[in-house]
Amino acid sequence: MLIFKMIFTPLLAMSVLTAPLSAQDQPISLSGDVKHEKTTVDAAGEAKTELVEPNTIVPGDRLIFGTDYTNSSDEQVENFVVTNPLPEAVRLAPDADAALTVSVDGGQTFGALSQLSVRAEDGSTRPAEHADVTHVRWTLASVAPGESGRLEYPAIIR
């Protein structure tokens, strides 16, 4: 329980504070959540993976951060941008979609992780890694009236 209080409570608080951001004044509502990806083995030895409420999590556990969106207007919305800051307690999972648009500099610039670099302590630069990601961004080309969907990224507790 102590691990839960030390890790999950700040993580939950950060996820509320770092809810999906969008600088646009559009008729799209956003709602975020966090699920713990938990694998269990049944009596027959079959592994089953499910998403559950994150009650007890420890370093190395996998979480799925999700954002649901809904266009509640009667107008089509074009090029809607959703930006999610990653809480400091997590890192982007190594198997995250390579096509994700990410930032490694606090949301100043975005691109594919493979195209980004970070400055090392000695002043040199190195290729950016999953642990360097600070934000994930999606651009929804078009969201029709009444349309809804879900955006997700996997993360690992540091």
N, C-alpha and C. Protein backbone atom coordinates (compact mmCIF):
# COMPACT_ATOMS: atom_id res chain seq x y z
N MET A 1 0.82 -1.19 0.00
CA MET A 1 0.00 0.00 0.00
C MET A 1 0.86 1.26 0.00
N LEU A 2 2.02 1.20 0.64
CA LEU A 2 2.91 2.36 0.67
C LEU A 2 3.39 2.68 -0.74
N ILE A 3 3.73 1.64 -1.52
CA ILE A 3 4.16 1.87 -2.89
C ILE A 3 3.05 2.56 -3.67
N PHE A 4 1.81 2.12 -3.46
CA PHE A 4 0.68 2.73 -4.13
C PHE A 4 0.61 4.22 -3.80
N LYS A 5 0.71 4.56 -2.53
CA LYS A 5 0.59 5.96 -2.13
C LYS A 5 1.75 6.79 -2.65
N MET A 6 2.95 6.20 -2.68
CA MET A 6 4.11 6.96 -3.12
C MET A 6 4.12 7.16 -4.64
N ILE A 7 3.65 6.19 -5.38
CA ILE A 7 3.73 6.28 -6.84
C ILE A 7 2.40 6.67 -7.47
N PHE A 8 1.34 5.96 -7.13
CA PHE A 8 0.09 6.19 -7.84
C PHE A 8 -0.56 7.52 -7.49
N THR A 9 -0.55 7.90 -6.22
CA THR A 9 -1.21 9.14 -5.83
C THR A 9 -0.63 10.33 -6.58
N PRO A 10 0.72 10.50 -6.62
CA PRO A 10 1.25 11.61 -7.42
C PRO A 10 0.98 11.44 -8.91
N LEU A 11 0.99 10.19 -9.39
CA LEU A 11 0.71 9.94 -10.80
C LEU A 11 -0.71 10.35 -11.14
N LEU A 12 -1.65 9.97 -10.31
CA LEU A 12 -3.05 10.34 -10.53
C LEU A 12 -3.20 11.85 -10.49
N ALA A 13 -2.58 12.49 -9.50
CA ALA A 13 -2.67 13.95 -9.41
C ALA A 13 -2.08 14.60 -10.65
N MET A 14 -0.96 14.06 -11.13
CA MET A 14 -0.34 14.62 -12.32
C MET A 14 -1.20 14.38 -13.55
N SER A 15 -1.85 13.23 -13.62
CA SER A 15 -2.67 12.96 -14.81
C SER A 15 -3.87 13.88 -14.85
N VAL A 16 -4.38 14.27 -13.68
CA VAL A 16 -5.47 15.24 -13.64
C VAL A 16 -4.96 16.61 -14.06
N LEU A 17 -3.77 16.98 -13.55
CA LEU A 17 -3.20 18.27 -13.89
C LEU A 17 -2.73 18.33 -15.33
N THR A 18 -2.35 17.18 -15.88
CA THR A 18 -1.85 17.14 -17.25
C THR A 18 -2.86 16.49 -18.17
N ALA A 19 -4.12 16.77 -17.92
CA ALA A 19 -5.18 16.23 -18.77
C ALA A 19 -4.91 16.67 -20.21
N PRO A 20 -5.50 16.01 -21.16
CA PRO A 20 -5.27 16.37 -22.55
C PRO A 20 -5.46 17.86 -22.78
N LEU A 21 -4.53 18.43 -23.48
CA LEU A 21 -4.58 19.85 -23.76
C LEU A 21 -4.93 20.08 -25.22
N SER A 22 -5.62 21.14 -25.46
CA SER A 22 -5.84 21.59 -26.82
C SER A 22 -6.01 23.09 -26.76
N ALA A 23 -5.22 23.80 -27.51
CA ALA A 23 -5.26 25.25 -27.47
C ALA A 23 -6.37 25.79 -28.37
N GLN A 24 -7.18 24.93 -28.88
CA GLN A 24 -8.19 25.35 -29.82
C GLN A 24 -9.53 25.55 -29.13
N ASP A 25 -10.25 26.54 -29.59
CA ASP A 25 -11.59 26.79 -29.06
C ASP A 25 -12.57 26.12 -30.01
N GLN A 26 -12.73 24.78 -29.84
CA GLN A 26 -13.55 23.99 -30.75
C GLN A 26 -14.62 23.25 -29.94
N PRO A 27 -15.65 22.78 -30.61
CA PRO A 27 -16.74 22.07 -29.93
C PRO A 27 -16.45 20.59 -29.69
N ILE A 28 -15.22 20.25 -29.37
CA ILE A 28 -14.86 18.86 -29.10
C ILE A 28 -14.56 18.72 -27.62
N SER A 29 -15.19 17.74 -27.00
CA SER A 29 -14.91 17.49 -25.59
C SER A 29 -13.88 16.38 -25.46
N LEU A 30 -13.02 16.52 -24.45
CA LEU A 30 -11.96 15.55 -24.20
C LEU A 30 -12.09 15.02 -22.79
N SER A 31 -11.80 13.73 -22.63
CA SER A 31 -11.84 13.10 -21.32
C SER A 31 -10.71 12.08 -21.25
N GLY A 32 -9.87 12.18 -20.23
CA GLY A 32 -8.73 11.29 -20.13
C GLY A 32 -8.86 10.29 -19.00
N ASP A 33 -8.16 9.16 -19.15
CA ASP A 33 -8.11 8.16 -18.09
C ASP A 33 -6.80 7.39 -18.15
N VAL A 34 -6.54 6.63 -17.11
CA VAL A 34 -5.34 5.80 -17.02
C VAL A 34 -5.76 4.41 -16.59
N LYS A 35 -5.27 3.39 -17.29
CA LYS A 35 -5.55 1.99 -16.94
C LYS A 35 -4.24 1.24 -16.76
N HIS A 36 -4.27 0.29 -15.85
CA HIS A 36 -3.13 -0.59 -15.59
C HIS A 36 -3.29 -1.82 -16.48
N GLU A 37 -2.29 -2.11 -17.30
CA GLU A 37 -2.34 -3.30 -18.13
C GLU A 37 -1.76 -4.45 -17.30
N LYS A 38 -2.63 -5.33 -16.89
CA LYS A 38 -2.26 -6.40 -15.97
C LYS A 38 -2.43 -7.76 -16.65
N THR A 39 -1.40 -8.59 -16.52
CA THR A 39 -1.45 -9.94 -17.08
C THR A 39 -1.55 -10.94 -15.94
N THR A 40 -2.52 -11.82 -16.05
CA THR A 40 -2.71 -12.88 -15.07
C THR A 40 -2.66 -14.23 -15.79
N VAL A 41 -2.37 -15.26 -15.02
CA VAL A 41 -2.34 -16.62 -15.57
C VAL A 41 -3.42 -17.42 -14.86
N ASP A 42 -4.31 -18.05 -15.65
CA ASP A 42 -5.39 -18.83 -15.05
C ASP A 42 -4.91 -20.22 -14.66
N ALA A 43 -5.79 -21.02 -14.10
CA ALA A 43 -5.46 -22.36 -13.62
C ALA A 43 -4.94 -23.27 -14.73
N ALA A 44 -5.35 -23.01 -15.97
CA ALA A 44 -4.90 -23.82 -17.10
C ALA A 44 -3.56 -23.33 -17.66
N GLY A 45 -3.00 -22.27 -17.06
CA GLY A 45 -1.72 -21.75 -17.52
C GLY A 45 -1.83 -20.76 -18.67
N GLU A 46 -3.05 -20.34 -18.99
CA GLU A 46 -3.27 -19.38 -20.06
C GLU A 46 -3.10 -17.96 -19.54
N ALA A 47 -2.30 -17.17 -20.23
CA ALA A 47 -2.10 -15.77 -19.85
C ALA A 47 -3.26 -14.93 -20.39
N LYS A 48 -3.71 -14.02 -19.57
CA LYS A 48 -4.80 -13.11 -19.96
C LYS A 48 -4.38 -11.70 -19.57
N THR A 49 -4.43 -10.79 -20.53
CA THR A 49 -4.10 -9.39 -20.27
C THR A 49 -5.38 -8.58 -20.28
N GLU A 50 -5.52 -7.75 -19.26
CA GLU A 50 -6.71 -6.89 -19.18
C GLU A 50 -6.33 -5.52 -18.66
N LEU A 51 -7.18 -4.54 -18.96
CA LEU A 51 -6.99 -3.19 -18.45
C LEU A 51 -7.86 -3.03 -17.22
N VAL A 52 -7.21 -2.64 -16.11
CA VAL A 52 -7.90 -2.50 -14.83
C VAL A 52 -7.57 -1.15 -14.22
N GLU A 53 -8.37 -0.78 -13.23
CA GLU A 53 -8.06 0.44 -12.48
C GLU A 53 -6.70 0.27 -11.82
N PRO A 54 -5.85 1.27 -11.85
CA PRO A 54 -4.52 1.14 -11.27
C PRO A 54 -4.53 1.28 -9.75
N ASN A 55 -4.78 0.17 -9.06
CA ASN A 55 -4.83 0.20 -7.60
C ASN A 55 -3.44 0.15 -6.98
N THR A 56 -2.66 -0.85 -7.35
CA THR A 56 -1.30 -0.98 -6.84
C THR A 56 -0.38 -1.09 -8.04
N ILE A 57 0.50 -0.10 -8.18
CA ILE A 57 1.44 -0.12 -9.28
C ILE A 57 2.85 0.09 -8.73
N VAL A 58 3.80 -0.47 -9.43
CA VAL A 58 5.20 -0.37 -9.01
C VAL A 58 6.05 -0.06 -10.25
N PRO A 59 7.28 0.38 -10.04
CA PRO A 59 8.15 0.64 -11.20
C PRO A 59 8.20 -0.58 -12.12
N GLY A 60 8.09 -0.31 -13.41
CA GLY A 60 8.09 -1.36 -14.42
C GLY A 60 6.70 -1.74 -14.88
N ASP A 61 5.67 -1.37 -14.12
CA ASP A 61 4.30 -1.68 -14.53
C ASP A 61 3.93 -0.86 -15.76
N ARG A 62 3.04 -1.43 -16.56
CA ARG A 62 2.61 -0.80 -17.80
C ARG A 62 1.24 -0.15 -17.60
N LEU A 63 1.11 1.08 -18.06
CA LEU A 63 -0.14 1.83 -18.01
C LEU A 63 -0.54 2.22 -19.43
N ILE A 64 -1.83 2.37 -19.63
CA ILE A 64 -2.35 2.88 -20.89
C ILE A 64 -3.05 4.20 -20.58
N PHE A 65 -2.54 5.28 -21.14
CA PHE A 65 -3.16 6.60 -21.00
C PHE A 65 -4.08 6.79 -22.19
N GLY A 66 -5.33 7.13 -21.92
CA GLY A 66 -6.30 7.29 -23.00
C GLY A 66 -7.00 8.62 -22.95
N THR A 67 -7.39 9.09 -24.13
CA THR A 67 -8.18 10.31 -24.27
C THR A 67 -9.35 10.00 -25.19
N ASP A 68 -10.54 10.16 -24.66
CA ASP A 68 -11.75 10.02 -25.47
C ASP A 68 -12.13 11.41 -25.98
N TYR A 69 -12.56 11.48 -27.23
CA TYR A 69 -13.00 12.76 -27.79
C TYR A 69 -14.36 12.59 -28.44
N THR A 70 -15.14 13.67 -28.40
CA THR A 70 -16.47 13.68 -29.01
C THR A 70 -16.75 15.06 -29.59
N ASN A 71 -17.19 15.07 -30.83
CA ASN A 71 -17.63 16.32 -31.44
C ASN A 71 -19.13 16.41 -31.21
N SER A 72 -19.51 17.24 -30.24
CA SER A 72 -20.92 17.35 -29.86
C SER A 72 -21.65 18.45 -30.63
N SER A 73 -20.99 19.00 -31.61
CA SER A 73 -21.63 20.07 -32.38
C SER A 73 -22.23 19.52 -33.67
N ASP A 74 -22.84 20.40 -34.44
CA ASP A 74 -23.37 19.98 -35.74
C ASP A 74 -22.44 20.45 -36.86
N GLU A 75 -21.19 20.77 -36.50
CA GLU A 75 -20.21 21.22 -37.48
C GLU A 75 -19.01 20.27 -37.53
N GLN A 76 -18.48 20.08 -38.72
CA GLN A 76 -17.26 19.30 -38.88
C GLN A 76 -16.08 20.12 -38.36
N VAL A 77 -15.17 19.48 -37.66
CA VAL A 77 -13.98 20.16 -37.15
C VAL A 77 -12.77 19.61 -37.90
N GLU A 78 -11.97 20.51 -38.42
CA GLU A 78 -10.80 20.12 -39.21
C GLU A 78 -9.52 20.34 -38.41
N ASN A 79 -8.55 19.45 -38.60
CA ASN A 79 -7.21 19.57 -38.02
C ASN A 79 -7.21 19.88 -36.53
N PHE A 80 -7.94 19.08 -35.78
CA PHE A 80 -8.02 19.26 -34.33
C PHE A 80 -6.81 18.61 -33.68
N VAL A 81 -6.10 19.35 -32.85
CA VAL A 81 -4.87 18.87 -32.24
C VAL A 81 -5.11 18.56 -30.76
N VAL A 82 -4.70 17.36 -30.36
CA VAL A 82 -4.78 16.94 -28.96
C VAL A 82 -3.34 16.67 -28.50
N THR A 83 -2.94 17.33 -27.43
CA THR A 83 -1.59 17.16 -26.89
C THR A 83 -1.69 16.67 -25.46
N ASN A 84 -1.01 15.55 -25.17
CA ASN A 84 -1.00 14.98 -23.82
C ASN A 84 0.41 15.06 -23.25
N PRO A 85 0.60 15.80 -22.16
CA PRO A 85 1.89 15.75 -21.47
C PRO A 85 2.03 14.42 -20.73
N LEU A 86 3.21 13.82 -20.73
CA LEU A 86 3.46 12.61 -19.97
C LEU A 86 3.82 13.00 -18.54
N PRO A 87 3.18 12.38 -17.56
CA PRO A 87 3.59 12.64 -16.17
C PRO A 87 5.05 12.22 -15.98
N GLU A 88 5.78 12.92 -15.14
CA GLU A 88 7.19 12.62 -14.92
C GLU A 88 7.40 11.22 -14.36
N ALA A 89 6.40 10.64 -13.72
CA ALA A 89 6.54 9.31 -13.11
C ALA A 89 6.54 8.18 -14.12
N VAL A 90 6.32 8.50 -15.41
CA VAL A 90 6.28 7.46 -16.44
C VAL A 90 7.20 7.81 -17.61
N ARG A 91 7.49 6.79 -18.41
CA ARG A 91 8.21 6.98 -19.67
C ARG A 91 7.38 6.31 -20.76
N LEU A 92 7.50 6.80 -21.96
CA LEU A 92 6.79 6.19 -23.08
C LEU A 92 7.30 4.76 -23.24
N ALA A 93 6.39 3.82 -23.40
CA ALA A 93 6.77 2.41 -23.53
C ALA A 93 7.54 2.20 -24.84
N PRO A 94 8.52 1.29 -24.81
CA PRO A 94 9.34 1.04 -26.01
C PRO A 94 8.55 0.51 -27.20
N ASP A 95 7.39 -0.10 -26.96
CA ASP A 95 6.59 -0.62 -28.07
C ASP A 95 5.50 0.34 -28.52
N ALA A 96 5.59 1.61 -28.08
CA ALA A 96 4.62 2.61 -28.52
C ALA A 96 4.70 2.75 -30.04
N ASP A 97 3.61 3.11 -30.65
CA ASP A 97 3.54 3.28 -32.11
C ASP A 97 4.64 4.24 -32.57
N ALA A 98 5.50 3.77 -33.46
CA ALA A 98 6.61 4.58 -33.96
C ALA A 98 6.11 5.79 -34.73
N ALA A 99 4.85 5.78 -35.17
CA ALA A 99 4.29 6.90 -35.91
C ALA A 99 3.76 8.01 -35.01
N LEU A 100 3.78 7.80 -33.69
CA LEU A 100 3.31 8.85 -32.77
C LEU A 100 4.13 10.13 -32.98
N THR A 101 3.45 11.24 -32.88
CA THR A 101 4.13 12.53 -32.90
C THR A 101 4.41 12.90 -31.45
N VAL A 102 5.69 13.14 -31.14
CA VAL A 102 6.08 13.36 -29.75
C VAL A 102 6.98 14.59 -29.63
N SER A 103 7.15 15.02 -28.39
CA SER A 103 8.10 16.09 -28.06
C SER A 103 9.05 15.56 -27.00
N VAL A 104 10.29 16.00 -27.07
CA VAL A 104 11.28 15.65 -26.06
C VAL A 104 11.82 16.91 -25.39
N ASP A 105 11.20 18.05 -25.68
CA ASP A 105 11.68 19.32 -25.13
C ASP A 105 10.56 20.12 -24.43
N GLY A 106 9.68 19.39 -23.77
CA GLY A 106 8.64 20.07 -23.01
C GLY A 106 7.50 20.62 -23.86
N GLY A 107 7.34 20.12 -25.06
CA GLY A 107 6.24 20.56 -25.91
C GLY A 107 6.58 21.72 -26.83
N GLN A 108 7.85 22.04 -26.95
CA GLN A 108 8.25 23.14 -27.85
C GLN A 108 8.26 22.72 -29.31
N THR A 109 8.79 21.52 -29.58
CA THR A 109 8.84 21.00 -30.94
C THR A 109 8.33 19.57 -30.94
N PHE A 110 7.80 19.12 -32.09
CA PHE A 110 7.22 17.79 -32.22
C PHE A 110 7.71 17.11 -33.48
N GLY A 111 7.75 15.79 -33.43
CA GLY A 111 8.11 15.00 -34.59
C GLY A 111 8.09 13.53 -34.21
N ALA A 112 8.50 12.68 -35.14
CA ALA A 112 8.64 11.25 -34.84
C ALA A 112 9.85 11.09 -33.93
N LEU A 113 9.76 10.20 -32.97
CA LEU A 113 10.86 10.00 -32.02
C LEU A 113 12.18 9.73 -32.75
N SER A 114 12.13 8.96 -33.82
CA SER A 114 13.35 8.61 -34.56
C SER A 114 14.02 9.82 -35.20
N GLN A 115 13.30 10.92 -35.30
CA GLN A 115 13.85 12.13 -35.93
C GLN A 115 14.30 13.19 -34.92
N LEU A 116 14.11 12.91 -33.63
CA LEU A 116 14.41 13.91 -32.60
C LEU A 116 15.72 13.59 -31.88
N SER A 117 16.31 14.62 -31.31
CA SER A 117 17.53 14.43 -30.52
C SER A 117 17.44 15.29 -29.27
N VAL A 118 18.28 14.95 -28.30
CA VAL A 118 18.34 15.71 -27.05
C VAL A 118 19.79 16.08 -26.78
N ARG A 119 19.96 17.13 -26.00
CA ARG A 119 21.30 17.58 -25.64
C ARG A 119 21.75 16.84 -24.40
N ALA A 120 22.92 16.23 -24.48
CA ALA A 120 23.50 15.51 -23.35
C ALA A 120 24.14 16.51 -22.39
N GLU A 121 24.49 16.04 -21.20
CA GLU A 121 25.08 16.92 -20.18
C GLU A 121 26.38 17.57 -20.64
N ASP A 122 27.13 16.89 -21.51
CA ASP A 122 28.41 17.43 -21.98
C ASP A 122 28.24 18.40 -23.15
N GLY A 123 26.97 18.68 -23.53
CA GLY A 123 26.70 19.62 -24.61
C GLY A 123 26.53 18.98 -25.97
N SER A 124 26.89 17.72 -26.10
CA SER A 124 26.70 17.02 -27.37
C SER A 124 25.23 16.64 -27.51
N THR A 125 24.86 16.16 -28.68
CA THR A 125 23.49 15.70 -28.87
C THR A 125 23.51 14.19 -29.10
N ARG A 126 22.40 13.57 -28.75
CA ARG A 126 22.23 12.14 -28.96
C ARG A 126 20.81 11.91 -29.45
N PRO A 127 20.58 10.77 -30.10
CA PRO A 127 19.21 10.46 -30.54
C PRO A 127 18.27 10.38 -29.33
N ALA A 128 17.08 10.90 -29.48
CA ALA A 128 16.09 10.85 -28.41
C ALA A 128 15.64 9.41 -28.19
N GLU A 129 15.30 9.11 -26.94
CA GLU A 129 14.83 7.78 -26.55
C GLU A 129 13.43 7.90 -25.96
N HIS A 130 12.78 6.77 -25.79
CA HIS A 130 11.42 6.76 -25.23
C HIS A 130 11.36 7.47 -23.88
N ALA A 131 12.38 7.32 -23.07
CA ALA A 131 12.40 7.94 -21.74
C ALA A 131 12.50 9.46 -21.82
N ASP A 132 12.87 10.01 -22.97
CA ASP A 132 12.99 11.47 -23.13
C ASP A 132 11.68 12.14 -23.49
N VAL A 133 10.68 11.37 -23.89
CA VAL A 133 9.43 11.95 -24.39
C VAL A 133 8.70 12.69 -23.26
N THR A 134 8.30 13.93 -23.54
CA THR A 134 7.56 14.75 -22.57
C THR A 134 6.10 14.94 -22.96
N HIS A 135 5.78 14.82 -24.25
CA HIS A 135 4.42 15.03 -24.74
C HIS A 135 4.14 14.10 -25.92
N VAL A 136 2.88 13.74 -26.07
CA VAL A 136 2.40 13.01 -27.25
C VAL A 136 1.33 13.88 -27.89
N ARG A 137 1.33 13.94 -29.22
CA ARG A 137 0.37 14.80 -29.92
C ARG A 137 -0.26 14.03 -31.08
N TRP A 138 -1.56 14.25 -31.24
CA TRP A 138 -2.29 13.72 -32.39
C TRP A 138 -2.96 14.89 -33.11
N THR A 139 -3.03 14.82 -34.42
CA THR A 139 -3.81 15.77 -35.20
C THR A 139 -4.91 14.99 -35.90
N LEU A 140 -6.14 15.29 -35.53
CA LEU A 140 -7.31 14.64 -36.12
C LEU A 140 -7.68 15.44 -37.36
N ALA A 141 -7.46 14.86 -38.53
CA ALA A 141 -7.68 15.57 -39.79
C ALA A 141 -9.09 16.13 -39.89
N SER A 142 -10.07 15.32 -39.50
CA SER A 142 -11.46 15.74 -39.60
C SER A 142 -12.29 14.97 -38.58
N VAL A 143 -13.11 15.70 -37.83
CA VAL A 143 -14.00 15.05 -36.86
C VAL A 143 -15.42 15.48 -37.20
N ALA A 144 -16.21 14.53 -37.68
CA ALA A 144 -17.58 14.80 -38.13
C ALA A 144 -18.50 15.09 -36.94
N PRO A 145 -19.61 15.75 -37.18
CA PRO A 145 -20.58 15.99 -36.12
C PRO A 145 -21.02 14.66 -35.49
N GLY A 146 -20.98 14.60 -34.17
CA GLY A 146 -21.38 13.40 -33.45
C GLY A 146 -20.31 12.33 -33.39
N GLU A 147 -19.23 12.49 -34.10
CA GLU A 147 -18.17 11.48 -34.11
C GLU A 147 -17.41 11.48 -32.78
N SER A 148 -17.01 10.28 -32.37
CA SER A 148 -16.19 10.15 -31.18
C SER A 148 -15.11 9.12 -31.45
N GLY A 149 -14.10 9.13 -30.61
CA GLY A 149 -13.01 8.18 -30.78
C GLY A 149 -12.13 8.17 -29.55
N ARG A 150 -11.07 7.40 -29.63
CA ARG A 150 -10.15 7.26 -28.50
C ARG A 150 -8.72 7.29 -29.00
N LEU A 151 -7.88 8.00 -28.28
CA LEU A 151 -6.45 8.09 -28.55
C LEU A 151 -5.73 7.49 -27.35
N GLU A 152 -4.69 6.68 -27.58
CA GLU A 152 -4.00 6.03 -26.47
C GLU A 152 -2.51 6.00 -26.70
N TYR A 153 -1.78 5.93 -25.59
CA TYR A 153 -0.36 5.63 -25.65
C TYR A 153 0.02 4.81 -24.42
N PRO A 154 0.96 3.87 -24.59
CA PRO A 154 1.40 3.04 -23.47
C PRO A 154 2.59 3.70 -22.76
N ALA A 155 2.63 3.53 -21.45
CA ALA A 155 3.73 4.09 -20.65
C ALA A 155 4.16 3.07 -19.59
N ILE A 156 5.36 3.25 -19.12
CA ILE A 156 5.93 2.37 -18.09
C ILE A 156 6.26 3.22 -16.87
N ILE A 157 5.91 2.73 -15.68
CA ILE A 157 6.25 3.44 -14.45
C ILE A 157 7.77 3.45 -14.30
N ARG A 158 8.34 4.62 -14.06
CA ARG A 158 9.80 4.74 -13.88
C ARG A 158 10.23 4.11 -12.58
